[in-house]
PDB file of N, CA and C in Angstrom:
ATOM      1  N   MET A   1      32.376   0.759 -11.302  1.00  0.00           N
ATOM      2  CA  MET A   1      32.014   0.108 -10.061  1.00  0.00           C
ATOM      3  C   MET A   1      32.097  -1.407 -10.268  1.00  0.00           C
ATOM      4  N   PRO A   2      32.877  -2.110  -9.441  1.00  0.00           N
ATOM      5  CA  PRO A   2      33.014  -3.558  -9.655  1.00  0.00           C
ATOM      6  C   PRO A   2      31.765  -4.308  -9.272  1.00  0.00           C
ATOM      7  N   TYR A   3      31.574  -5.463  -9.934  1.00  0.00           N
ATOM      8  CA  TYR A   3      30.429  -6.313  -9.650  1.00  0.00           C
ATOM      9  C   TYR A   3      30.607  -6.993  -8.303  1.00  0.00           C
ATOM     10  N   LYS A   4      29.557  -7.006  -7.526  1.00  0.00           N
ATOM     11  CA  LYS A   4      29.572  -7.612  -6.213  1.00  0.00           C
ATOM     12  C   LYS A   4      28.518  -8.685  -6.173  1.00  0.00           C
ATOM     13  N   GLU A   5      28.898  -9.865  -5.775  1.00  0.00           N
ATOM     14  CA  GLU A   5      27.914 -10.960  -5.645  1.00  0.00           C
ATOM     15  C   GLU A   5      27.008 -10.653  -4.477  1.00  0.00           C
ATOM     16  N   PRO A   6      25.695 -10.848  -4.639  1.00  0.00           N
ATOM     17  CA  PRO A   6      24.800 -10.629  -3.507  1.00  0.00           C
ATOM     18  C   PRO A   6      24.987 -11.736  -2.458  1.00  0.00           C
ATOM     19  N   LYS A   7      24.817 -11.352  -1.208  1.00  0.00           N
ATOM     20  CA  LYS A   7      24.953 -12.328  -0.136  1.00  0.00           C
ATOM     21  C   LYS A   7      23.772 -13.298  -0.192  1.00  0.00           C
ATOM     22  N   VAL A   8      24.051 -14.565  -0.229  1.00  0.00           N
ATOM     23  CA  VAL A   8      23.013 -15.581  -0.321  1.00  0.00           C
ATOM     24  C   VAL A   8      22.587 -15.975   1.076  1.00  0.00           C
ATOM     25  N   GLU A   9      21.330 -15.881   1.331  1.00  0.00           N
ATOM     26  CA  GLU A   9      20.762 -16.278   2.634  1.00  0.00           C
ATOM     27  C   GLU A   9      20.128 -17.625   2.475  1.00  0.00           C
ATOM     28  N   LYS A  10      20.447 -18.527   3.380  1.00  0.00           N
ATOM     29  CA  LYS A  10      19.860 -19.857   3.342  1.00  0.00           C
ATOM     30  C   LYS A  10      18.438 -19.789   3.874  1.00  0.00           C
ATOM     31  N   LEU A  11      17.577 -20.683   3.383  1.00  0.00           N
ATOM     32  CA  LEU A  11      16.215 -20.731   3.911  1.00  0.00           C
ATOM     33  C   LEU A  11      16.151 -21.519   5.206  1.00  0.00           C
ATOM     34  N   TYR A  12      16.943 -22.562   5.288  1.00  0.00           N
ATOM     35  CA  TYR A  12      16.932 -23.442   6.467  1.00  0.00           C
ATOM     36  C   TYR A  12      18.355 -23.746   6.904  1.00  0.00           C
ATOM     37  N   TYR A  13      18.537 -23.821   8.200  1.00  0.00           N
ATOM     38  CA  TYR A  13      19.824 -24.140   8.796  1.00  0.00           C
ATOM     39  C   TYR A  13      19.661 -25.432   9.618  1.00  0.00           C
ATOM     40  N   ALA A  14      20.668 -26.299   9.521  1.00  0.00           N
ATOM     41  CA  ALA A  14      20.691 -27.494  10.361  1.00  0.00           C
ATOM     42  C   ALA A  14      21.062 -27.132  11.806  1.00  0.00           C
ATOM     43  N   ILE A  15      20.716 -27.973  12.730  1.00  0.00           N
ATOM     44  CA  ILE A  15      20.953 -27.675  14.150  1.00  0.00           C
ATOM     45  C   ILE A  15      22.437 -27.478  14.425  1.00  0.00           C
ATOM     46  N   GLY A  16      23.297 -28.221  13.740  1.00  0.00           N
ATOM     47  CA  GLY A  16      24.737 -28.040  13.937  1.00  0.00           C
ATOM     48  C   GLY A  16      25.244 -26.694  13.489  1.00  0.00           C
ATOM     49  N   GLU A  17      24.667 -26.182  12.389  1.00  0.00           N
ATOM     50  CA  GLU A  17      25.053 -24.848  11.916  1.00  0.00           C
ATOM     51  C   GLU A  17      24.646 -23.788  12.900  1.00  0.00           C
ATOM     52  N   VAL A  18      23.421 -23.920  13.422  1.00  0.00           N
ATOM     53  CA  VAL A  18      22.933 -22.942  14.403  1.00  0.00           C
ATOM     54  C   VAL A  18      23.777 -22.983  15.700  1.00  0.00           C
ATOM     55  N   ALA A  19      24.118 -24.171  16.147  1.00  0.00           N
ATOM     56  CA  ALA A  19      24.932 -24.332  17.322  1.00  0.00           C
ATOM     57  C   ALA A  19      26.287 -23.681  17.076  1.00  0.00           C
ATOM     58  N   GLY A  20      26.830 -23.853  15.882  1.00  0.00           N
ATOM     59  CA  GLY A  20      28.097 -23.190  15.559  1.00  0.00           C
ATOM     60  C   GLY A  20      28.014 -21.686  15.558  1.00  0.00           C
ATOM     61  N   MET A  21      26.912 -21.171  15.062  1.00  0.00           N
ATOM     62  CA  MET A  21      26.716 -19.699  15.060  1.00  0.00           C
ATOM     63  C   MET A  21      26.719 -19.114  16.441  1.00  0.00           C
ATOM     64  N   LEU A  22      26.105 -19.849  17.366  1.00  0.00           N
ATOM     65  CA  LEU A  22      25.947 -19.350  18.756  1.00  0.00           C
ATOM     66  C   LEU A  22      27.062 -19.840  19.660  1.00  0.00           C
ATOM     67  N   ASN A  23      27.913 -20.752  19.153  1.00  0.00           N
ATOM     68  CA  ASN A  23      29.001 -21.288  19.921  1.00  0.00           C
ATOM     69  C   ASN A  23      28.490 -22.005  21.193  1.00  0.00           C
ATOM     70  N   VAL A  24      27.447 -22.820  21.027  1.00  0.00           N
ATOM     71  CA  VAL A  24      26.897 -23.613  22.097  1.00  0.00           C
ATOM     72  C   VAL A  24      26.759 -25.046  21.594  1.00  0.00           C
ATOM     73  N   PRO A  25      26.692 -26.018  22.503  1.00  0.00           N
ATOM     74  CA  PRO A  25      26.480 -27.391  22.049  1.00  0.00           C
ATOM     75  C   PRO A  25      25.112 -27.601  21.445  1.00  0.00           C
ATOM     76  N   VAL A  26      24.993 -28.606  20.571  1.00  0.00           N
ATOM     77  CA  VAL A  26      23.723 -28.932  19.932  1.00  0.00           C
ATOM     78  C   VAL A  26      22.655 -29.252  20.992  1.00  0.00           C
ATOM     79  N   SER A  27      23.059 -29.902  22.064  1.00  0.00           N
ATOM     80  CA  SER A  27      22.117 -30.259  23.135  1.00  0.00           C
ATOM     81  C   SER A  27      21.471 -29.003  23.742  1.00  0.00           C
ATOM     82  N   THR A  28      22.202 -27.919  23.803  1.00  0.00           N
ATOM     83  CA  THR A  28      21.617 -26.659  24.340  1.00  0.00           C
ATOM     84  C   THR A  28      20.487 -26.184  23.427  1.00  0.00           C
ATOM     85  N   ILE A  29      20.686 -26.239  22.140  1.00  0.00           N
ATOM     86  CA  ILE A  29      19.659 -25.837  21.175  1.00  0.00           C
ATOM     87  C   ILE A  29      18.429 -26.691  21.365  1.00  0.00           C
ATOM     88  N   ARG A  30      18.609 -28.004  21.483  1.00  0.00           N
ATOM     89  CA  ARG A  30      17.477 -28.921  21.690  1.00  0.00           C
ATOM     90  C   ARG A  30      16.743 -28.609  22.979  1.00  0.00           C
ATOM     91  N   PHE A  31      17.495 -28.316  24.028  1.00  0.00           N
ATOM     92  CA  PHE A  31      16.918 -27.995  25.348  1.00  0.00           C
ATOM     93  C   PHE A  31      16.105 -26.723  25.253  1.00  0.00           C
ATOM     94  N   TRP A  32      16.688 -25.696  24.635  1.00  0.00           N
ATOM     95  CA  TRP A  32      15.964 -24.416  24.502  1.00  0.00           C
ATOM     96  C   TRP A  32      14.711 -24.573  23.679  1.00  0.00           C
ATOM     97  N   GLU A  33      14.737 -25.479  22.695  1.00  0.00           N
ATOM     98  CA  GLU A  33      13.550 -25.741  21.874  1.00  0.00           C
ATOM     99  C   GLU A  33      12.391 -26.222  22.763  1.00  0.00           C
ATOM    100  N   ASN A  34      12.710 -27.038  23.732  1.00  0.00           N
ATOM    101  CA  ASN A  34      11.655 -27.566  24.663  1.00  0.00           C
ATOM    102  C   ASN A  34      11.222 -26.505  25.646  1.00  0.00           C
ATOM    103  N   GLU A  35      12.109 -25.576  25.998  1.00  0.00           N
ATOM    104  CA  GLU A  35      11.846 -24.588  27.047  1.00  0.00           C
ATOM    105  C   GLU A  35      11.094 -23.365  26.547  1.00  0.00           C
ATOM    106  N   PHE A  36      11.257 -22.985  25.309  1.00  0.00           N
ATOM    107  CA  PHE A  36      10.670 -21.747  24.778  1.00  0.00           C
ATOM    108  C   PHE A  36       9.709 -22.042  23.679  1.00  0.00           C
ATOM    109  N   ASP A  37       8.495 -21.515  23.817  1.00  0.00           N
ATOM    110  CA  ASP A  37       7.430 -21.726  22.848  1.00  0.00           C
ATOM    111  C   ASP A  37       7.667 -21.034  21.508  1.00  0.00           C
ATOM    112  N   ILE A  38       8.509 -20.016  21.483  1.00  0.00           N
ATOM    113  CA  ILE A  38       8.729 -19.295  20.233  1.00  0.00           C
ATOM    114  C   ILE A  38       9.591 -20.068  19.265  1.00  0.00           C
ATOM    115  N   LEU A  39      10.213 -21.148  19.714  1.00  0.00           N
ATOM    116  CA  LEU A  39      11.062 -21.981  18.837  1.00  0.00           C
ATOM    117  C   LEU A  39      10.279 -23.141  18.323  1.00  0.00           C
ATOM    118  N   LYS A  40      10.009 -23.123  17.041  1.00  0.00           N
ATOM    119  CA  LYS A  40       9.282 -24.194  16.371  1.00  0.00           C
ATOM    120  C   LYS A  40       9.983 -24.576  15.088  1.00  0.00           C
ATOM    121  N   PRO A  41      11.133 -25.242  15.185  1.00  0.00           N
ATOM    122  CA  PRO A  41      11.816 -25.617  13.931  1.00  0.00           C
ATOM    123  C   PRO A  41      11.025 -26.697  13.166  1.00  0.00           C
ATOM    124  N   MET A  42      11.160 -26.656  11.847  1.00  0.00           N
ATOM    125  CA  MET A  42      10.568 -27.689  11.024  1.00  0.00           C
ATOM    126  C   MET A  42      11.393 -28.952  11.146  1.00  0.00           C
ATOM    127  N   LYS A  43      10.791 -30.069  10.860  1.00  0.00           N
ATOM    128  CA  LYS A  43      11.569 -31.303  10.844  1.00  0.00           C
ATOM    129  C   LYS A  43      11.307 -31.998   9.501  1.00  0.00           C
ATOM    130  N   ASN A  44      12.367 -32.547   8.934  1.00  0.00           N
ATOM    131  CA  ASN A  44      12.254 -33.254   7.669  1.00  0.00           C
ATOM    132  C   ASN A  44      11.786 -34.702   7.941  1.00  0.00           C
ATOM    133  N   LYS A  45      11.719 -35.496   6.903  1.00  0.00           N
ATOM    134  CA  LYS A  45      11.215 -36.886   7.051  1.00  0.00           C
ATOM    135  C   LYS A  45      12.079 -37.703   8.009  1.00  0.00           C
ATOM    136  N   LYS A  46      13.359 -37.387   8.048  1.00  0.00           N
ATOM    137  CA  LYS A  46      14.265 -38.106   8.946  1.00  0.00           C
ATOM    138  C   LYS A  46      14.177 -37.609  10.387  1.00  0.00           C
ATOM    139  N   GLY A  47      13.495 -36.494  10.622  1.00  0.00           N
ATOM    140  CA  GLY A  47      13.389 -35.940  11.954  1.00  0.00           C
ATOM    141  C   GLY A  47      14.442 -34.897  12.258  1.00  0.00           C
ATOM    142  N   ASN A  48      15.251 -34.520  11.274  1.00  0.00           N
ATOM    143  CA  ASN A  48      16.266 -33.492  11.497  1.00  0.00           C
ATOM    144  C   ASN A  48      15.606 -32.111  11.618  1.00  0.00           C
ATOM    145  N   ARG A  49      16.056 -31.338  12.544  1.00  0.00           N
ATOM    146  CA  ARG A  49      15.492 -30.017  12.745  1.00  0.00           C
ATOM    147  C   ARG A  49      16.046 -29.081  11.671  1.00  0.00           C
ATOM    148  N   LEU A  50      15.165 -28.244  11.128  1.00  0.00           N
ATOM    149  CA  LEU A  50      15.531 -27.231  10.144  1.00  0.00           C
ATOM    150  C   LEU A  50      15.073 -25.883  10.663  1.00  0.00           C
ATOM    151  N   PHE A  51      15.989 -24.969  10.926  1.00  0.00           N
ATOM    152  CA  PHE A  51      15.700 -23.689  11.515  1.00  0.00           C
ATOM    153  C   PHE A  51      15.627 -22.619  10.451  1.00  0.00           C
ATOM    154  N   THR A  52      14.591 -21.790  10.478  1.00  0.00           N
ATOM    155  CA  THR A  52      14.453 -20.654   9.574  1.00  0.00           C
ATOM    156  C   THR A  52      15.248 -19.467  10.112  1.00  0.00           C
ATOM    157  N   GLN A  53      15.320 -18.397   9.311  1.00  0.00           N
ATOM    158  CA  GLN A  53      15.946 -17.180   9.765  1.00  0.00           C
ATOM    159  C   GLN A  53      15.333 -16.659  11.044  1.00  0.00           C
ATOM    160  N   ALA A  54      13.979 -16.738  11.106  1.00  0.00           N
ATOM    161  CA  ALA A  54      13.263 -16.264  12.294  1.00  0.00           C
ATOM    162  C   ALA A  54      13.649 -17.096  13.518  1.00  0.00           C
ATOM    163  N   ASP A  55      13.766 -18.406  13.358  1.00  0.00           N
ATOM    164  CA  ASP A  55      14.161 -19.266  14.447  1.00  0.00           C
ATOM    165  C   ASP A  55      15.578 -18.939  14.914  1.00  0.00           C
ATOM    166  N   VAL A  56      16.495 -18.708  13.969  1.00  0.00           N
ATOM    167  CA  VAL A  56      17.869 -18.314  14.334  1.00  0.00           C
ATOM    168  C   VAL A  56      17.887 -17.014  15.091  1.00  0.00           C
ATOM    169  N   ARG A  57      17.086 -16.057  14.642  1.00  0.00           N
ATOM    170  CA  ARG A  57      17.035 -14.777  15.337  1.00  0.00           C
ATOM    171  C   ARG A  57      16.499 -14.955  16.757  1.00  0.00           C
ATOM    172  N   ASN A  58      15.454 -15.752  16.909  1.00  0.00           N
ATOM    173  CA  ASN A  58      14.904 -16.008  18.255  1.00  0.00           C
ATOM    174  C   ASN A  58      15.941 -16.694  19.121  1.00  0.00           C
ATOM    175  N   LEU A  59      16.697 -17.609  18.560  1.00  0.00           N
ATOM    176  CA  LEU A  59      17.722 -18.291  19.326  1.00  0.00           C
ATOM    177  C   LEU A  59      18.836 -17.315  19.752  1.00  0.00           C
ATOM    178  N   LYS A  60      19.175 -16.373  18.847  1.00  0.00           N
ATOM    179  CA  LYS A  60      20.175 -15.372  19.196  1.00  0.00           C
ATOM    180  C   LYS A  60      19.700 -14.506  20.343  1.00  0.00           C
ATOM    181  N   ILE A  61      18.418 -14.152  20.343  1.00  0.00           N
ATOM    182  CA  ILE A  61      17.892 -13.348  21.437  1.00  0.00           C
ATOM    183  C   ILE A  61      17.891 -14.134  22.738  1.00  0.00           C
ATOM    184  N   ILE A  62      17.505 -15.396  22.688  1.00  0.00           N
ATOM    185  CA  ILE A  62      17.553 -16.246  23.884  1.00  0.00           C
ATOM    186  C   ILE A  62      18.990 -16.394  24.375  1.00  0.00           C
ATOM    187  N   HIS A  63      19.902 -16.593  23.467  1.00  0.00           N
ATOM    188  CA  HIS A  63      21.339 -16.709  23.813  1.00  0.00           C
ATOM    189  C   HIS A  63      21.823 -15.430  24.502  1.00  0.00           C
ATOM    190  N   HIS A  64      21.443 -14.316  23.948  1.00  0.00           N
ATOM    191  CA  HIS A  64      21.832 -13.020  24.515  1.00  0.00           C
ATOM    192  C   HIS A  64      21.310 -12.856  25.938  1.00  0.00           C
ATOM    193  N   LEU A  65      20.038 -13.218  26.137  1.00  0.00           N
ATOM    194  CA  LEU A  65      19.426 -13.042  27.454  1.00  0.00           C
ATOM    195  C   LEU A  65      20.087 -14.005  28.489  1.00  0.00           C
ATOM    196  N   VAL A  66      20.284 -15.240  28.077  1.00  0.00           N
ATOM    197  CA  VAL A  66      20.767 -16.259  29.018  1.00  0.00           C
ATOM    198  C   VAL A  66      22.274 -16.199  29.231  1.00  0.00           C
ATOM    199  N   LYS A  67      23.026 -16.133  28.135  1.00  0.00           N
ATOM    200  CA  LYS A  67      24.472 -16.211  28.262  1.00  0.00           C
ATOM    201  C   LYS A  67      25.139 -14.865  28.485  1.00  0.00           C
ATOM    202  N   GLU A  68      24.663 -13.796  27.874  1.00  0.00           N
ATOM    203  CA  GLU A  68      25.326 -12.514  27.975  1.00  0.00           C
ATOM    204  C   GLU A  68      24.767 -11.638  29.125  1.00  0.00           C
ATOM    205  N   GLU A  69      23.454 -11.651  29.317  1.00  0.00           N
ATOM    206  CA  GLU A  69      22.847 -10.894  30.387  1.00  0.00           C
ATOM    207  C   GLU A  69      22.759 -11.695  31.687  1.00  0.00           C
ATOM    208  N   GLY A  70      22.960 -13.008  31.612  1.00  0.00           N
ATOM    209  CA  GLY A  70      22.976 -13.834  32.801  1.00  0.00           C
ATOM    210  C   GLY A  70      21.609 -14.144  33.401  1.00  0.00           C
ATOM    211  N   MET A  71      20.578 -14.084  32.564  1.00  0.00           N
ATOM    212  CA  MET A  71      19.228 -14.380  33.063  1.00  0.00           C
ATOM    213  C   MET A  71      19.060 -15.883  33.203  1.00  0.00           C
ATOM    214  N   THR A  72      18.159 -16.264  34.095  1.00  0.00           N
ATOM    215  CA  THR A  72      17.770 -17.686  34.180  1.00  0.00           C
ATOM    216  C   THR A  72      16.839 -18.005  33.041  1.00  0.00           C
ATOM    217  N   LEU A  73      16.600 -19.280  32.766  1.00  0.00           N
ATOM    218  CA  LEU A  73      15.692 -19.636  31.686  1.00  0.00           C
ATOM    219  C   LEU A  73      14.297 -19.173  32.012  1.00  0.00           C
ATOM    220  N   GLU A  74      13.909 -19.261  33.270  1.00  0.00           N
ATOM    221  CA  GLU A  74      12.577 -18.792  33.674  1.00  0.00           C
ATOM    222  C   GLU A  74      12.465 -17.272  33.481  1.00  0.00           C
ATOM    223  N   GLY A  75      13.512 -16.542  33.819  1.00  0.00           N
ATOM    224  CA  GLY A  75      13.493 -15.089  33.663  1.00  0.00           C
ATOM    225  C   GLY A  75      13.433 -14.699  32.197  1.00  0.00           C
ATOM    226  N   ALA A  76      14.193 -15.401  31.370  1.00  0.00           N
ATOM    227  CA  ALA A  76      14.176 -15.113  29.951  1.00  0.00           C
ATOM    228  C   ALA A  76      12.812 -15.435  29.327  1.00  0.00           C
ATOM    229  N   ARG A  77      12.219 -16.551  29.788  1.00  0.00           N
ATOM    230  CA  ARG A  77      10.877 -16.922  29.285  1.00  0.00           C
ATOM    231  C   ARG A  77       9.853 -15.868  29.621  1.00  0.00           C
ATOM    232  N   LYS A  78       9.895 -15.367  30.842  1.00  0.00           N
ATOM    233  CA  LYS A  78       8.935 -14.336  31.284  1.00  0.00           C
ATOM    234  C   LYS A  78       9.161 -13.042  30.503  1.00  0.00           C
ATOM    235  N   LYS A  79      10.417 -12.701  30.305  1.00  0.00           N
ATOM    236  CA  LYS A  79      10.726 -11.467  29.556  1.00  0.00           C
ATOM    237  C   LYS A  79      10.212 -11.575  28.108  1.00  0.00           C
ATOM    238  N   LEU A  80      10.398 -12.708  27.498  1.00  0.00           N
ATOM    239  CA  LEU A  80       9.965 -12.886  26.124  1.00  0.00           C
ATOM    240  C   LEU A  80       8.430 -12.940  26.009  1.00  0.00           C
ATOM    241  N   GLU A  81       7.763 -13.512  27.006  1.00  0.00           N
ATOM    242  CA  GLU A  81       6.309 -13.592  26.982  1.00  0.00           C
ATOM    243  C   GLU A  81       5.681 -12.224  27.187  1.00  0.00           C
ATOM    244  N   GLY A  82       6.237 -11.428  28.088  1.00  0.00           N
ATOM    245  CA  GLY A  82       5.631 -10.156  28.428  1.00  0.00           C
ATOM    246  C   GLY A  82       5.972  -8.997  27.531  1.00  0.00           C
ATOM    247  N   LYS A  83       7.247  -8.921  27.158  1.00  0.00           N
ATOM    248  CA  LYS A  83       7.708  -7.724  26.422  1.00  0.00           C
ATOM    249  C   LYS A  83       8.520  -8.153  25.225  1.00  0.00           C
ATOM    250  N   TRP A  84       7.925  -8.885  24.324  1.00  0.00           N
ATOM    251  CA  TRP A  84       8.682  -9.359  23.141  1.00  0.00           C
ATOM    252  C   TRP A  84       9.180  -8.210  22.294  1.00  0.00           C
ATOM    253  N   ASP A  85       8.326  -7.226  21.972  1.00  0.00           N
ATOM    254  CA  ASP A  85       8.752  -6.121  21.115  1.00  0.00           C
ATOM    255  C   ASP A  85       9.927  -5.340  21.745  1.00  0.00           C
ATOM    256  N   GLU A  86       9.820  -5.099  23.039  1.00  0.00           N
ATOM    257  CA  GLU A  86      10.888  -4.346  23.727  1.00  0.00           C
ATOM    258  C   GLU A  86      12.193  -5.138  23.697  1.00  0.00           C
ATOM    259  N   THR A  87      12.123  -6.429  23.978  1.00  0.00           N
ATOM    260  CA  THR A  87      13.304  -7.276  23.977  1.00  0.00           C
ATOM    261  C   THR A  87      13.908  -7.340  22.569  1.00  0.00           C
ATOM    262  N   ASP A  88      13.069  -7.463  21.545  1.00  0.00           N
ATOM    263  CA  ASP A  88      13.549  -7.509  20.180  1.00  0.00           C
ATOM    264  C   ASP A  88      14.237  -6.210  19.807  1.00  0.00           C
ATOM    265  N   ASN A  89      13.672  -5.090  20.185  1.00  0.00           N
ATOM    266  CA  ASN A  89      14.260  -3.787  19.864  1.00  0.00           C
ATOM    267  C   ASN A  89      15.622  -3.624  20.563  1.00  0.00           C
ATOM    268  N   LYS A  90      15.689  -4.010  21.845  1.00  0.00           N
ATOM    269  CA  LYS A  90      16.950  -3.896  22.588  1.00  0.00           C
ATOM    270  C   LYS A  90      18.018  -4.778  21.976  1.00  0.00           C
ATOM    271  N   PHE A  91      17.634  -5.968  21.524  1.00  0.00           N
ATOM    272  CA  PHE A  91      18.581  -6.888  20.896  1.00  0.00           C
ATOM    273  C   PHE A  91      19.081  -6.259  19.584  1.00  0.00           C
ATOM    274  N   GLU A  92      18.184  -5.691  18.811  1.00  0.00           N
ATOM    275  CA  GLU A  92      18.558  -5.069  17.550  1.00  0.00           C
ATOM    276  C   GLU A  92      19.558  -3.911  17.793  1.00  0.00           C
ATOM    277  N   ILE A  93      19.294  -3.107  18.810  1.00  0.00           N
ATOM    278  CA  ILE A  93      20.197  -1.992  19.128  1.00  0.00           C
ATOM    279  C   ILE A  93      21.556  -2.540  19.563  1.00  0.00           C
ATOM    280  N   ASN A  94      21.534  -3.573  20.385  1.00  0.00           N
ATOM    281  CA  ASN A  94      22.796  -4.184  20.852  1.00  0.00           C
ATOM    282  C   ASN A  94      23.611  -4.692  19.682  1.00  0.00           C
ATOM    283  N   GLN A  95      22.979  -5.347  18.711  1.00  0.00           N
ATOM    284  CA  GLN A  95      23.669  -5.875  17.531  1.00  0.00           C
ATOM    285  C   GLN A  95      24.278  -4.703  16.710  1.00  0.00           C
ATOM    286  N   SER A  96      23.519  -3.649  16.566  1.00  0.00           N
ATOM    287  CA  SER A  96      24.026  -2.488  15.798  1.00  0.00           C
ATOM    288  C   SER A  96      25.246  -1.882  16.504  1.00  0.00           C
ATOM    289  N   LEU A  97      25.168  -1.767  17.825  1.00  0.00           N
ATOM    290  CA  LEU A  97      26.292  -1.192  18.549  1.00  0.00           C
ATOM    291  C   LEU A  97      27.533  -2.076  18.484  1.00  0.00           C
ATOM    292  N   GLN A  98      27.345  -3.387  18.492  1.00  0.00           N
ATOM    293  CA  GLN A  98      28.447  -4.313  18.386  1.00  0.00           C
ATOM    294  C   GLN A  98      29.143  -4.164  17.013  1.00  0.00           C
ATOM    295  N   LYS A  99      28.318  -3.986  15.956  1.00  0.00           N
ATOM    296  CA  LYS A  99      28.927  -3.799  14.614  1.00  0.00           C
ATOM    297  C   LYS A  99      29.677  -2.492  14.541  1.00  0.00           C
ATOM    298  N   ILE A 100      29.136  -1.422  15.105  1.00  0.00           N
ATOM    299  CA  ILE A 100      29.833  -0.111  15.140  1.00  0.00           C
ATOM    300  C   ILE A 100      31.145  -0.235  15.905  1.00  0.00           C
ATOM    301  N   LYS A 101      31.108  -0.937  17.037  1.00  0.00           N
ATOM    302  CA  LYS A 101      32.320  -1.105  17.840  1.00  0.00           C
ATOM    303  C   LYS A 101      33.372  -1.845  17.021  1.00  0.00           C
ATOM    304  N   ALA A 102      32.993  -2.878  16.308  1.00  0.00           N
ATOM    305  CA  ALA A 102      33.955  -3.626  15.518  1.00  0.00           C
ATOM    306  C   ALA A 102      34.552  -2.752  14.406  1.00  0.00           C
ATOM    307  N   ILE A 103      33.740  -1.914  13.774  1.00  0.00           N
ATOM    308  CA  ILE A 103      34.211  -1.019  12.734  1.00  0.00           C
ATOM    309  C   ILE A 103      35.199  -0.015  13.330  1.00  0.00           C
ATOM    310  N   LEU A 104      34.846   0.544  14.469  1.00  0.00           N
ATOM    311  CA  LEU A 104      35.733   1.558  15.101  1.00  0.00           C
ATOM    312  C   LEU A 104      37.055   0.947  15.549  1.00  0.00           C
ATOM    313  N   LEU A 105      36.996  -0.279  16.073  1.00  0.00           N
ATOM    314  CA  LEU A 105      38.227  -0.942  16.482  1.00  0.00           C
ATOM    315  C   LEU A 105      39.108  -1.257  15.267  1.00  0.00           C
ATOM    316  N   ASP A 106      38.467  -1.639  14.160  1.00  0.00           N
ATOM    317  CA  ASP A 106      39.227  -1.899  12.936  1.00  0.00           C
ATOM    318  C   ASP A 106      39.875  -0.604  12.421  1.00  0.00           C
ATOM    319  N   ILE A 107      39.155   0.469  12.470  1.00  0.00           N
ATOM    320  CA  ILE A 107      39.735   1.764  12.000  1.00  0.00           C
ATOM    321  C   ILE A 107      40.890   2.135  12.907  1.00  0.00           C
ATOM    322  N   ARG A 108      40.726   1.988  14.241  1.00  0.00           N
ATOM    323  CA  ARG A 108      41.800   2.333  15.167  1.00  0.00           C
ATOM    324  C   ARG A 108      43.039   1.485  14.893  1.00  0.00           C
ATOM    325  N   ASP A 109      42.861   0.226  14.650  1.00  0.00           N
ATOM    326  CA  ASP A 109      43.999  -0.692  14.450  1.00  0.00           C
ATOM    327  C   ASP A 109      44.707  -0.444  13.125  1.00  0.00           C
ATOM    328  N   ASN A 110      44.001   0.106  12.131  1.00  0.00           N
ATOM    329  CA  ASN A 110      44.609   0.345  10.836  1.00  0.00           C
ATOM    330  C   ASN A 110      45.144   1.754  10.622  1.00  0.00           C
ATOM    331  N   ILE A 111      45.075   2.566  11.646  1.00  0.00           N
ATOM    332  CA  ILE A 111      45.589   3.925  11.536  1.00  0.00           C
ATOM    333  C   ILE A 111      47.083   3.928  11.770  1.00  0.00           C
TER     334      ILE A 111
END
């Protein structure tokens, strides 16, 4: 069995990296930070925002609700305040289904 390097997870992500992951402008991330209480990025001495894995996950959930499901910011805020566990579970299921879809499409294309 060949040696496989373990995937290295970063502890903190800069705002530009997070914006790149979500394919949104940096200003959108800053705006969402002010709009949603669940986003609390750390700031270094220079004032640069540093996002943890949990922050990135929360941003992905917000992005999914606002950009993919078409919710308003107010609607997304209410959904996250009232039913966080349910929203988190649905997001996890959606991510799993997207991965399965990608695998199946890859298999179909390589047959």
